[in-house]
Protein backbone atom coordinates (compact mmCIF):
# COMPACT_ATOMS: atom_id res chain seq x y z
CA MET A 1 -50.71 -18.16 -33.92
CA SER A 2 -47.28 -18.77 -31.85
CA ASP A 3 -45.07 -15.87 -30.99
CA ALA A 4 -41.78 -18.30 -30.15
CA GLY A 5 -40.16 -17.57 -33.81
CA PRO A 6 -39.80 -13.94 -32.78
CA THR A 7 -38.81 -14.76 -29.42
CA LEU A 8 -36.18 -17.37 -30.43
CA ASP A 9 -34.57 -14.17 -32.81
CA PHE A 10 -35.22 -11.43 -29.95
CA MET A 11 -32.87 -13.80 -27.62
CA GLU A 12 -30.26 -15.00 -30.21
CA ARG A 13 -29.72 -10.80 -30.93
CA THR A 14 -29.29 -10.43 -27.64
CA ALA A 15 -26.86 -13.14 -26.53
CA ALA A 16 -25.20 -12.18 -29.62
CA LYS A 17 -25.44 -8.39 -28.49
CA ARG A 18 -24.19 -9.68 -25.10
CA ALA A 19 -21.01 -11.56 -26.47
CA PHE A 20 -19.90 -8.93 -28.85
CA GLY A 21 -20.02 -6.69 -25.63
CA ASN A 22 -18.15 -8.69 -23.75
CA VAL A 23 -15.41 -9.23 -26.54
CA LEU A 24 -15.55 -5.59 -27.25
CA VAL A 25 -14.88 -4.71 -23.10
CA ASN A 26 -12.09 -7.36 -23.07
CA THR A 27 -9.68 -6.23 -26.19
CA LEU A 28 -10.07 -2.83 -24.40
CA ILE A 29 -7.89 -4.07 -21.68
CA ALA A 30 -6.14 -6.49 -23.73
CA ASN A 31 -5.41 -3.44 -25.98
CA VAL A 32 -4.22 -0.72 -23.53
CA THR A 33 -1.85 -3.17 -21.34
CA THR A 34 -0.25 -4.66 -24.69
CA SER A 35 0.13 -0.62 -25.43
CA PHE A 36 0.99 0.63 -21.87
CA LEU A 37 3.90 -2.00 -21.44
CA TRP A 38 4.96 -1.20 -25.08
CA PHE A 39 5.20 2.74 -24.44
CA ALA A 40 6.62 1.94 -21.04
CA LEU A 41 9.32 0.15 -22.44
CA THR A 42 10.40 2.51 -25.29
CA PHE A 43 10.28 5.43 -22.33
CA TRP A 44 11.94 3.54 -20.39
CA VAL A 45 14.84 2.77 -22.57
CA TYR A 46 15.23 6.40 -24.39
CA ILE A 47 15.27 8.03 -20.42
CA GLU A 48 17.73 5.44 -19.17
CA THR A 49 20.00 5.87 -22.01
CA GLN A 50 19.01 8.92 -23.92
CA SER A 51 20.09 6.26 -27.20
CA VAL A 52 17.14 7.16 -30.14
CA LEU A 53 18.96 4.22 -32.01
CA ALA A 54 17.75 2.03 -29.05
CA THR A 55 14.10 3.49 -29.00
CA GLY A 56 14.09 3.24 -33.07
CA ILE A 57 15.09 -0.09 -33.25
CA ILE A 58 12.34 -0.95 -30.72
CA GLY A 59 9.37 0.52 -32.68
CA GLY A 60 11.05 -1.07 -36.05
CA ALA A 61 10.94 -4.28 -34.62
CA TYR A 62 7.47 -4.09 -33.05
CA MET A 63 6.11 -3.29 -36.60
CA LEU A 64 7.92 -5.97 -38.34
CA PHE A 65 7.08 -7.98 -35.58
CA VAL A 66 3.73 -7.56 -36.63
CA ALA A 67 4.05 -7.81 -40.12
CA PHE A 68 5.98 -11.55 -39.99
CA PHE A 69 3.47 -12.99 -37.72
CA ALA A 70 -0.12 -11.37 -39.20
CA MET A 71 -0.50 -13.99 -41.63
CA ALA A 72 0.27 -16.94 -39.50
CA PHE A 73 -1.98 -15.45 -37.12
CA GLY A 74 -4.95 -15.16 -40.10
CA THR A 75 -4.95 -19.08 -40.42
CA ILE A 76 -4.61 -20.03 -36.83
CA VAL A 77 -8.29 -17.38 -36.70
CA ASP A 78 -9.04 -19.27 -39.24
CA ARG A 79 -8.88 -22.79 -37.82
CA ASN A 80 -9.92 -22.24 -34.72
CA ARG A 81 -13.24 -20.67 -32.66
CA LYS A 82 -12.63 -16.81 -31.70
CA HIS A 83 -13.18 -17.56 -28.24
CA THR A 84 -10.12 -19.96 -28.04
CA VAL A 85 -7.73 -17.14 -29.75
CA MET A 86 -8.84 -14.51 -27.84
CA VAL A 87 -8.04 -16.61 -24.98
CA ILE A 88 -4.26 -18.59 -26.34
CA SER A 89 -3.59 -14.54 -26.94
CA SER A 90 -3.82 -13.91 -23.23
CA VAL A 91 -2.17 -16.44 -21.95
CA ILE A 92 0.69 -16.24 -24.64
CA SER A 93 0.78 -12.26 -23.59
CA ALA A 94 0.51 -13.01 -19.58
CA VAL A 95 3.36 -15.45 -19.74
CA ALA A 96 5.48 -13.26 -21.82
CA PHE A 97 5.39 -10.08 -19.66
CA LEU A 98 5.64 -12.27 -16.28
CA VAL A 99 9.29 -13.84 -17.91
CA ALA A 100 9.81 -10.06 -18.68
CA GLY A 101 9.37 -9.43 -15.01
CA VAL A 102 11.44 -12.34 -13.86
CA LEU A 103 14.00 -11.27 -16.14
CA TYR A 104 13.48 -7.88 -14.51
CA LEU A 105 14.13 -8.98 -11.43
CA TRP A 106 17.23 -11.20 -11.54
CA GLN A 107 19.07 -8.90 -13.84
CA PRO A 108 20.01 -5.47 -12.75
CA GLU A 109 18.97 -2.77 -14.64
CA ALA A 110 22.24 -1.92 -16.11
CA ALA A 111 22.49 -5.12 -17.74
CA LEU A 112 18.90 -4.90 -19.10
CA LEU A 113 20.08 -1.47 -20.51
CA ASP A 114 23.06 -2.47 -22.16
CA LEU A 115 22.55 -2.38 -25.85
CA GLY A 116 25.70 -4.33 -26.24
CA GLY A 117 24.82 -7.31 -24.11
CA PRO A 118 21.98 -10.30 -24.89
CA TRP A 119 19.61 -9.01 -21.65
CA PHE A 120 18.71 -5.80 -23.43
CA TRP A 121 17.69 -7.79 -26.78
CA LEU A 122 16.12 -10.29 -24.09
CA PHE A 123 14.34 -8.29 -22.17
CA SER A 124 12.90 -5.99 -25.09
CA GLY A 125 12.41 -9.05 -27.43
CA VAL A 126 9.87 -10.72 -25.25
CA ILE A 127 7.80 -7.92 -23.73
CA LEU A 128 7.94 -6.98 -27.61
CA PHE A 129 6.56 -10.39 -28.37
CA GLY A 130 3.67 -10.36 -25.63
CA GLY A 131 2.27 -6.90 -27.25
CA VAL A 132 2.82 -8.41 -30.70
CA ILE A 133 0.24 -11.37 -29.88
CA GLU A 134 -2.22 -8.83 -29.31
CA GLN A 135 -2.62 -9.00 -32.88
CA LEU A 136 -4.42 -12.43 -32.97
CA ARG A 137 -7.17 -10.89 -30.56
CA ASN A 138 -7.29 -8.47 -33.20
CA ILE A 139 -7.76 -10.47 -36.31
CA ALA A 140 -10.26 -12.63 -34.42
CA LEU A 141 -12.25 -9.76 -33.55
CA SER A 142 -12.85 -8.43 -36.64
CA THR A 143 -13.69 -11.42 -37.80
CA THR A 144 -16.00 -11.50 -34.60
CA VAL A 145 -18.19 -8.68 -35.84
CA THR A 146 -19.42 -10.73 -38.89
CA LEU A 147 -20.02 -13.36 -36.96
CA LEU A 148 -21.76 -11.68 -34.07
CA ILE A 149 -23.39 -8.56 -35.89
CA PRO A 150 -26.01 -8.40 -38.39
CA GLU A 151 -25.16 -7.35 -41.94
CA GLU A 152 -26.25 -3.80 -42.04
CA LYS A 153 -25.06 -2.68 -38.43
CA ARG A 154 -21.03 -3.87 -38.92
CA ALA A 155 -20.21 -0.66 -40.10
CA ASN A 156 -21.16 0.42 -36.37
CA ALA A 157 -19.36 -2.07 -34.63
CA ASN A 158 -16.85 -1.11 -36.42
CA GLY A 159 -16.90 2.41 -35.49
CA LEU A 160 -16.89 0.87 -31.87
CA VAL A 161 -13.87 -1.24 -32.77
CA GLY A 162 -11.83 2.12 -34.08
CA THR A 163 -12.80 3.72 -30.43
CA VAL A 164 -11.68 1.05 -28.17
CA GLN A 165 -8.46 1.16 -30.01
CA GLY A 166 -8.63 5.41 -30.16
CA ILE A 167 -8.73 4.88 -26.43
CA ALA A 168 -6.54 2.63 -26.29
CA PHE A 169 -3.98 5.23 -27.99
CA LEU A 170 -5.20 7.87 -25.54
CA VAL A 171 -4.69 6.24 -22.72
CA THR A 172 -1.26 4.52 -23.37
CA SER A 173 -0.21 8.10 -24.70
CA VAL A 174 -0.49 9.47 -20.91
CA PHE A 175 -0.50 6.88 -18.46
CA SER A 176 2.83 4.81 -19.78
CA GLY A 177 4.74 8.24 -19.01
CA LEU A 178 3.65 8.54 -16.00
CA SER A 179 3.80 5.20 -14.76
CA ILE A 180 7.56 4.96 -15.46
CA GLY A 181 8.23 8.63 -14.05
CA PHE A 182 6.41 7.30 -10.68
CA LEU A 183 6.60 3.74 -10.33
CA GLY A 184 9.60 2.76 -12.70
CA MET A 185 9.99 -0.40 -15.06
CA GLY A 186 9.33 -2.72 -12.42
CA TRP A 187 5.67 -1.69 -10.99
CA THR A 188 5.13 -1.45 -14.37
CA LEU A 189 5.61 -4.66 -15.16
CA ALA A 190 3.22 -5.79 -12.77
CA ILE A 191 0.41 -3.71 -13.72
CA ALA A 192 0.72 -5.16 -16.95
CA ILE A 193 0.93 -8.80 -15.44
CA ALA A 194 -2.39 -7.87 -13.28
CA ALA A 195 -4.23 -6.86 -16.75
CA MET A 196 -3.88 -9.54 -18.86
CA ALA A 197 -4.18 -11.76 -16.40
CA LEU A 198 -7.35 -10.21 -15.07
CA THR A 199 -8.78 -10.70 -19.23
CA PHE A 200 -7.99 -14.00 -18.89
CA VAL A 201 -9.93 -14.81 -15.92
CA HIS A 202 -13.08 -12.64 -17.87
CA LEU A 203 -12.95 -14.63 -20.98
CA LEU A 204 -13.38 -17.74 -19.16
CA PHE A 205 -17.18 -15.88 -18.26
CA VAL A 206 -17.44 -15.00 -22.24
CA ARG A 207 -19.72 -17.18 -24.40
CA ILE A 208 -19.15 -16.69 -27.92
CA PRO A 209 -22.25 -18.19 -30.03
CA GLU A 210 -19.76 -19.84 -32.58
CA GLY A 211 -19.59 -23.16 -33.98
CA THR A 212 -16.35 -25.70 -34.83
CA PRO A 213 -14.96 -24.30 -38.04
CA GLU A 214 -14.76 -26.93 -41.14
CA PRO A 215 -10.81 -28.03 -41.62
CA ASP A 216 -9.73 -26.35 -45.20
CA PRO A 217 -8.87 -29.18 -46.93
CA ASN A 218 -6.30 -27.14 -49.39
CA ALA A 219 -4.39 -25.64 -46.11
CA SER A 220 -1.45 -27.17 -46.34
CA SER A 221 0.88 -24.65 -44.05
CA ALA A 222 0.23 -23.38 -40.74
CA LEU A 223 0.66 -19.78 -42.80
CA ASP A 224 -1.63 -20.49 -45.96
CA PHE A 225 -0.55 -17.58 -48.10
CA ARG A 226 -2.05 -19.66 -51.10
CA GLY A 227 -5.76 -19.64 -49.62
CA SER A 228 -5.07 -16.12 -48.55
CA VAL A 229 -4.70 -15.10 -52.01
CA GLN A 230 -7.26 -17.32 -53.56
CA ALA A 231 -9.69 -15.86 -50.90
CA ILE A 232 -8.59 -12.35 -51.94
CA ARG A 233 -8.81 -13.37 -56.10
CA LEU A 234 -12.20 -14.32 -55.33
CA ALA A 235 -13.32 -10.91 -54.28
CA PRO A 236 -12.77 -8.83 -57.85
CA GLY A 237 -11.10 -5.10 -56.83
CA LEU A 238 -10.15 -6.52 -53.46
CA PHE A 239 -6.64 -6.77 -53.64
CA ALA A 240 -6.85 -3.38 -54.90
CA LEU A 241 -8.08 -1.91 -51.34
CA ILE A 242 -5.35 -3.54 -49.72
CA ILE A 243 -2.89 -1.97 -52.00
CA PHE A 244 -4.48 1.06 -51.62
CA SER A 245 -4.69 0.80 -47.44
CA THR A 246 -0.92 -0.35 -47.81
CA PHE A 247 -0.78 3.14 -49.70
CA ASN A 248 -2.16 5.25 -47.09
CA ASN A 249 -0.19 3.02 -44.64
CA LEU A 250 2.89 4.56 -46.18
CA ILE A 251 1.51 8.33 -46.58
CA GLY A 252 0.89 8.22 -43.14
CA GLY A 253 4.48 6.83 -42.05
CA VAL A 254 5.40 10.55 -42.95
CA TYR A 255 3.66 11.68 -40.46
CA MET A 256 4.12 9.07 -37.95
CA ALA A 257 7.87 10.25 -38.91
CA LEU A 258 7.77 13.89 -38.41
CA MET A 259 5.35 14.22 -35.84
CA ASP A 260 6.75 14.05 -32.82
CA PRO A 261 9.70 16.47 -33.81
CA TYR A 262 7.34 18.89 -35.35
CA GLY A 263 5.59 18.95 -31.82
CA LEU A 264 8.91 19.41 -29.98
CA THR A 265 9.51 21.83 -31.68
CA LEU A 266 6.53 23.87 -30.58
CA PHE A 267 5.97 22.38 -27.28
CA ASP A 268 8.47 21.39 -24.42
CA ALA A 269 8.43 17.34 -24.20
CA GLN A 270 5.24 17.54 -21.35
CA THR A 271 3.41 19.67 -22.96
CA TRP A 272 3.45 17.83 -26.08
CA GLY A 273 2.69 14.84 -23.73
CA PHE A 274 -1.04 16.48 -23.12
CA ALA A 275 -1.52 17.97 -26.84
CA LEU A 276 -0.95 14.50 -28.28
CA ALA A 277 -3.10 13.27 -25.46
CA PHE A 278 -5.72 15.70 -26.61
CA ALA A 279 -4.99 15.10 -30.00
CA SER A 280 -5.48 11.35 -29.88
CA THR A 281 -9.61 11.89 -28.31
CA GLY A 282 -10.09 12.61 -32.05
CA PHE A 283 -10.12 8.67 -32.82
CA LEU A 284 -12.68 8.65 -29.83
CA VAL A 285 -15.41 10.91 -31.86
CA GLY A 286 -14.52 9.49 -35.42
CA GLY A 287 -15.02 6.21 -33.82
CA GLY A 288 -18.32 7.32 -32.25
CA LEU A 289 -19.59 8.82 -34.79
CA VAL A 290 -19.26 6.31 -37.78
CA ALA A 291 -21.13 3.86 -34.58
CA LYS A 292 -24.08 5.91 -34.38
CA PHE A 293 -24.09 6.55 -38.31
CA GLY A 294 -22.74 3.88 -40.11
CA LEU A 295 -20.67 4.44 -43.62
CA GLY A 296 -23.68 4.74 -45.35
CA PRO A 297 -24.79 2.52 -48.41
CA LYS A 298 -21.11 2.72 -49.87
CA PRO A 299 -18.70 2.03 -47.54
CA MET A 300 -15.56 2.55 -50.27
CA ARG A 301 -17.04 5.84 -51.80
CA THR A 302 -16.69 6.77 -47.54
CA MET A 303 -13.54 5.95 -47.49
CA LEU A 304 -12.06 7.37 -50.80
CA LEU A 305 -13.76 10.81 -49.61
CA VAL A 306 -12.43 10.62 -46.36
CA VAL A 307 -8.79 10.01 -47.05
CA ILE A 308 -9.00 12.90 -49.77
CA ALA A 309 -10.11 14.97 -46.84
CA MET A 310 -7.00 13.75 -44.72
CA GLY A 311 -4.82 14.75 -47.22
CA LEU A 312 -5.96 18.26 -47.02
CA LEU A 313 -5.25 18.40 -43.78
CA GLY A 314 -2.14 16.47 -43.48
CA SER A 315 -1.28 19.43 -46.37
CA VAL A 316 -2.33 22.01 -44.38
CA PHE A 317 -1.77 21.77 -40.24
CA MET A 318 1.94 22.92 -40.57
CA LEU A 319 1.49 25.82 -43.17
CA ARG A 320 2.28 27.70 -40.28
CA GLU A 321 4.78 27.30 -37.11
CA TRP A 322 1.25 27.81 -34.85
CA TRP A 323 0.42 25.49 -32.43
CA PRO A 324 -3.36 26.07 -32.41
CA LEU A 325 -3.44 25.18 -36.22
CA TYR A 326 -1.05 22.00 -35.59
CA VAL A 327 -2.83 20.90 -32.53
CA ILE A 328 -6.65 20.69 -33.88
CA GLY A 329 -5.49 19.86 -37.25
CA MET A 330 -3.90 16.86 -35.77
CA TRP A 331 -7.29 16.11 -34.20
CA ALA A 332 -9.56 16.58 -36.98
CA TYR A 333 -6.64 13.82 -38.92
CA MET A 334 -6.96 11.53 -36.35
CA ALA A 335 -11.00 11.40 -36.29
CA LEU A 336 -10.59 10.53 -39.67
CA VAL A 337 -8.50 7.58 -39.10
CA PRO A 338 -11.23 5.48 -38.15
CA PRO A 339 -14.21 5.30 -40.67
CA VAL A 340 -11.22 4.88 -43.16
CA GLU A 341 -10.38 1.73 -41.17
CA ALA A 342 -13.95 0.94 -40.93
CA ALA A 343 -14.67 1.13 -44.56
CA GLU A 344 -12.11 -1.33 -45.49
CA GLN A 345 -13.46 -3.91 -42.04
CA THR A 346 -16.65 -3.15 -43.45
CA VAL A 347 -15.75 -4.19 -46.86
CA ILE A 348 -13.49 -7.20 -46.08
CA GLN A 349 -16.42 -8.59 -44.05
CA LYS A 350 -19.41 -8.75 -47.11
CA VAL A 351 -17.36 -9.65 -49.54
CA VAL A 352 -14.77 -12.33 -48.46
CA PRO A 353 -16.32 -15.59 -47.02
CA PHE A 354 -16.62 -15.94 -43.35
CA GLU A 355 -14.06 -19.17 -43.26
CA ARG A 356 -11.87 -17.14 -44.74
CA GLN A 357 -11.54 -13.61 -43.25
CA GLY A 358 -8.98 -13.91 -41.09
CA ARG A 359 -6.34 -14.89 -43.31
CA VAL A 360 -7.21 -12.09 -45.19
CA PHE A 361 -7.42 -9.82 -42.85
CA GLY A 362 -3.84 -11.09 -41.71
CA VAL A 363 -2.26 -10.04 -45.23
CA ALA A 364 -3.98 -6.81 -44.93
CA ALA A 365 -2.31 -5.83 -41.31
CA ALA A 366 1.16 -7.19 -42.53
CA MET A 367 1.25 -5.46 -45.63
CA GLU A 368 -0.16 -1.99 -43.69
CA ALA A 369 2.04 -3.02 -40.83
CA ALA A 370 5.11 -3.20 -43.04
CA ALA A 371 4.53 -0.38 -44.92
CA ALA A 372 4.32 2.91 -42.43
CA PRO A 373 7.83 2.08 -40.97
CA ILE A 374 9.31 1.99 -44.61
CA THR A 375 8.68 5.16 -44.98
CA ALA A 376 9.02 6.15 -41.33
CA PHE A 377 12.97 5.05 -42.44
CA LEU A 378 13.12 6.29 -45.35
CA ILE A 379 11.76 9.91 -45.10
CA ALA A 380 13.94 10.46 -41.67
CA PRO A 381 17.27 10.61 -43.04
CA ILE A 382 15.85 12.51 -46.36
CA ALA A 383 14.70 15.17 -43.90
CA GLU A 384 17.35 15.87 -42.01
CA PHE A 385 20.16 15.72 -44.12
CA LEU A 386 18.24 17.45 -47.31
CA ILE A 387 14.79 18.69 -46.95
CA ILE A 388 15.63 20.72 -43.44
CA PRO A 389 18.87 21.90 -44.06
CA PHE A 390 17.84 23.32 -48.00
CA MET A 391 14.50 25.13 -45.79
CA ASN A 392 17.25 26.68 -43.60
CA THR A 393 19.02 28.60 -46.72
CA ARG A 394 17.76 31.99 -48.11
CA GLU A 395 17.26 29.89 -51.18
CA GLY A 396 14.64 27.72 -49.64
CA GLN A 397 13.16 30.37 -47.62
CA GLN A 398 12.66 32.82 -50.63
CA GLN A 399 11.33 30.03 -52.59
CA TRP A 400 8.93 28.82 -50.20
CA GLY A 401 8.46 31.81 -47.33
CA TRP A 402 5.07 32.89 -49.00
CA LEU A 403 3.77 29.66 -48.28
CA LEU A 404 4.76 28.24 -45.07
CA GLY A 405 5.88 31.35 -43.64
CA GLU A 406 8.87 31.45 -41.37
CA GLY A 407 9.84 29.24 -38.40
CA GLU A 408 12.36 26.17 -37.28
CA ALA A 409 10.84 23.58 -38.88
CA ARG A 410 9.66 24.85 -42.12
CA GLY A 411 11.52 21.93 -43.61
CA ILE A 412 8.76 19.59 -42.12
CA ALA A 413 6.20 21.47 -43.28
CA LEU A 414 7.17 21.05 -47.09
CA ILE A 415 7.20 17.37 -46.33
CA CYS A 416 3.90 17.00 -44.92
CA LEU A 417 2.59 19.28 -47.59
CA PHE A 418 3.04 16.98 -50.15
CA ALA A 419 2.66 14.21 -48.74
CA GLY A 420 -0.66 15.42 -48.05
CA LEU A 421 -1.27 16.34 -51.30
CA ILE A 422 -0.06 13.12 -52.90
CA MET A 423 -2.97 11.16 -50.40
CA VAL A 424 -5.36 13.70 -52.07
CA VAL A 425 -4.78 12.94 -55.93
CA ALA A 426 -4.15 8.94 -55.24
CA ALA A 427 -7.61 8.94 -53.51
CA THR A 428 -9.27 11.33 -56.57
CA LEU A 429 -7.43 8.88 -59.44
CA ALA A 430 -9.04 5.75 -57.58
CA PHE A 431 -12.95 6.56 -57.90
CA PHE A 432 -12.26 6.03 -61.64
CA THR A 433 -10.23 2.56 -61.46
CA ARG A 434 -12.09 -0.43 -62.25
CA SER A 435 -11.17 -1.78 -59.68
CA TYR A 436 -13.05 0.76 -57.64
CA ARG A 437 -16.24 0.29 -59.77
CA LYS A 438 -15.79 -3.59 -59.30
CA LEU A 439 -15.83 -3.48 -55.55
CA THR A 440 -18.58 -1.11 -55.23
CA GLU A 441 -20.94 -3.58 -57.36
CA LEU A 442 -19.68 -6.64 -55.62
CA TYR A 443 -20.20 -5.00 -52.26
CA ALA A 444 -23.94 -4.64 -53.01
CA GLU A 445 -24.91 -7.40 -54.80
CA ALA A 446 -23.09 -9.74 -52.10
CA PRO A 447 -25.68 -11.80 -50.28
CA GLU A 448 -25.61 -12.71 -46.60
CA GLN A 449 -23.38 -14.52 -45.18
CA GLU A 450 -24.76 -18.22 -43.72
CA ILE A 451 -23.24 -19.09 -40.33
CA ASP A 452 -22.80 -21.56 -38.08
CA HIS A 453 -23.44 -20.35 -34.58
CA GLY A 454 -23.46 -23.48 -33.16
CA ASP A 455 -25.50 -26.09 -31.06
CA ALA A 456 -26.91 -26.80 -28.14
CA ASP A 457 -24.84 -28.86 -26.58
CA GLY A 458 -23.11 -26.84 -23.41
CA GLU A 459 -20.33 -25.22 -25.28
CA ASN A 460 -21.60 -22.13 -26.05
CA GLY A 461 -22.78 -21.35 -23.29
CA GLY A 462 -26.00 -20.92 -21.75
CA ASP A 463 -27.75 -17.86 -23.94
CA ALA A 464 -26.88 -20.32 -26.84
CA GLY A 465 -28.90 -23.28 -25.31
CA ALA A 466 -31.79 -21.15 -24.11
CA ALA A 467 -31.61 -20.33 -27.74
CA ALA A 468 -32.49 -23.83 -28.95
CA ALA A 469 -34.21 -24.82 -26.13
CA ALA A 470 -36.75 -21.81 -27.31
CA GLU A 471 -36.99 -23.32 -30.99
CA ALA A 472 -37.42 -26.89 -29.81
CA GLY A 473 -40.48 -25.46 -27.84
CA ALA A 474 -41.74 -23.49 -30.60
CA ARG A 475 -41.30 -27.08 -32.59
CA GLU A 476 -43.24 -28.71 -29.85
CA GLU A 477 -46.29 -26.17 -30.00
CA ARG A 478 -45.94 -25.85 -34.22
CA ALA A 479 -46.90 -29.85 -33.89
CA GLY A 480 -49.22 -29.67 -31.37
CA GLU A 481 -51.05 -26.87 -33.37
CA ARG A 482 -51.13 -29.27 -35.95
CA ARG A 483 -52.71 -31.99 -34.79
CA HIS A 484 -55.36 -30.21 -33.06
CA ALA A 485 -56.35 -28.78 -36.54
CA ASP A 486 -56.11 -32.62 -37.89
CA ALA A 487 -58.04 -33.91 -35.66
CA PRO A 488 -62.17 -34.41 -36.29
CA PRO A 489 -64.45 -31.83 -35.39
CA ILE A 490 -66.49 -31.35 -31.82
CA VAL A 491 -69.90 -33.58 -32.25
CA PRO A 492 -72.55 -32.09 -29.42
CA GLY A 493 -73.47 -35.32 -27.71
CA MET A 494 -70.43 -37.31 -28.40
CA PRO A 495 -67.54 -38.43 -26.05
CA PRO A 496 -63.89 -37.34 -27.40
CA GLU A 497 -63.07 -41.31 -26.86
CA SER A 498 -65.65 -42.59 -29.59
CA ARG A 499 -64.78 -39.98 -32.31
């Protein structure tokens, strides 16, 4: 009996595992680089101009860029090899950062920091565009999990993706400020250009076993919104999942808008930076736990339970103006983010056909990216002009002091209390919806997808070629066994040729 079949299967799994590891490391470097430069730009502009308006515009523009381009990015991912998409992402980001470097050397800093002049907008816009292009790679990474990882291990792989994003947040939240403080914007740009060039060179040596995507005859435009909607409608309950995630991001926008002001009430700027870095290690722990244990047989159920826990945490970690409560609460809150994101990705990877997953991930990214800044823009003026002044009055303190205690930022605590409770109620009600039941059933019954991993023509690299060679050898061996089985029996004393 031949063992070529198990050998071939082992080689294919090894090639896919190696390819996924390389892609994950490459994405880590790219994510760290783009986030590093984006944070550094924000710090540099604020330090030099002391303009909250300028930093607010940069942050809002980034999220709007993501929302605007994400659907087109999803179509690009579906129409091209994932390796090609990642190379394109690296090249465009590196070129954008290089153009920003040329602008920095060409124009004086005063011109680049003048909000009323064109150079500020051009310089910031080029850097932000280079950072937004990284979303193209992130969408490709989500589909690469489907391509390379067996169904039963995809939740664990999505946990690793969450860990990578957590590392990027941790590194950039600390080192962007240090780079601007000690090296300046010029050397920070140089570091980003070199790191992005490194991701491009590394990708040249990465081989992803994948076939050539078949053209979609119904996709008539670069955006293909219709194809995205059709893919979502074919999976009952999936649109409700995306809407729920968008709503969750709307509530998350409250914390995004108020986290820094509250932290700076408790700490000075330097200490707050280290406290935020510590809290961001929660991303690593949360992603690591998903990578180790997965999400269970019902990822939708797991997601809703985790969202309820997030809401409870978000409502209580500001009840008293006590820094250990806030920092530990933030850490636990961030540890719960990767399971929620991994659950959404795991469901999409199973219930949406592989050839349309890029467009679905693109729609989800667009809607979710637009949600958080909308809430942030709405809640900031409400907090500053209504809630915080009310809580500073005697009436507000008498009405809510029994619950929120005393302090300078009780208005922020009140807003976060209600935001967390809204999140708990929404997730609890979701358990009783028809969409939840349908999507849970669809996930349990969806068959394993048939995905083209390419052939042995060399363009998928040595691992794929070796696997194909092993398969050919196995076929020859099986044919030899059949010929041997069909041969006439050996007769003593009679030469073989006579038989």
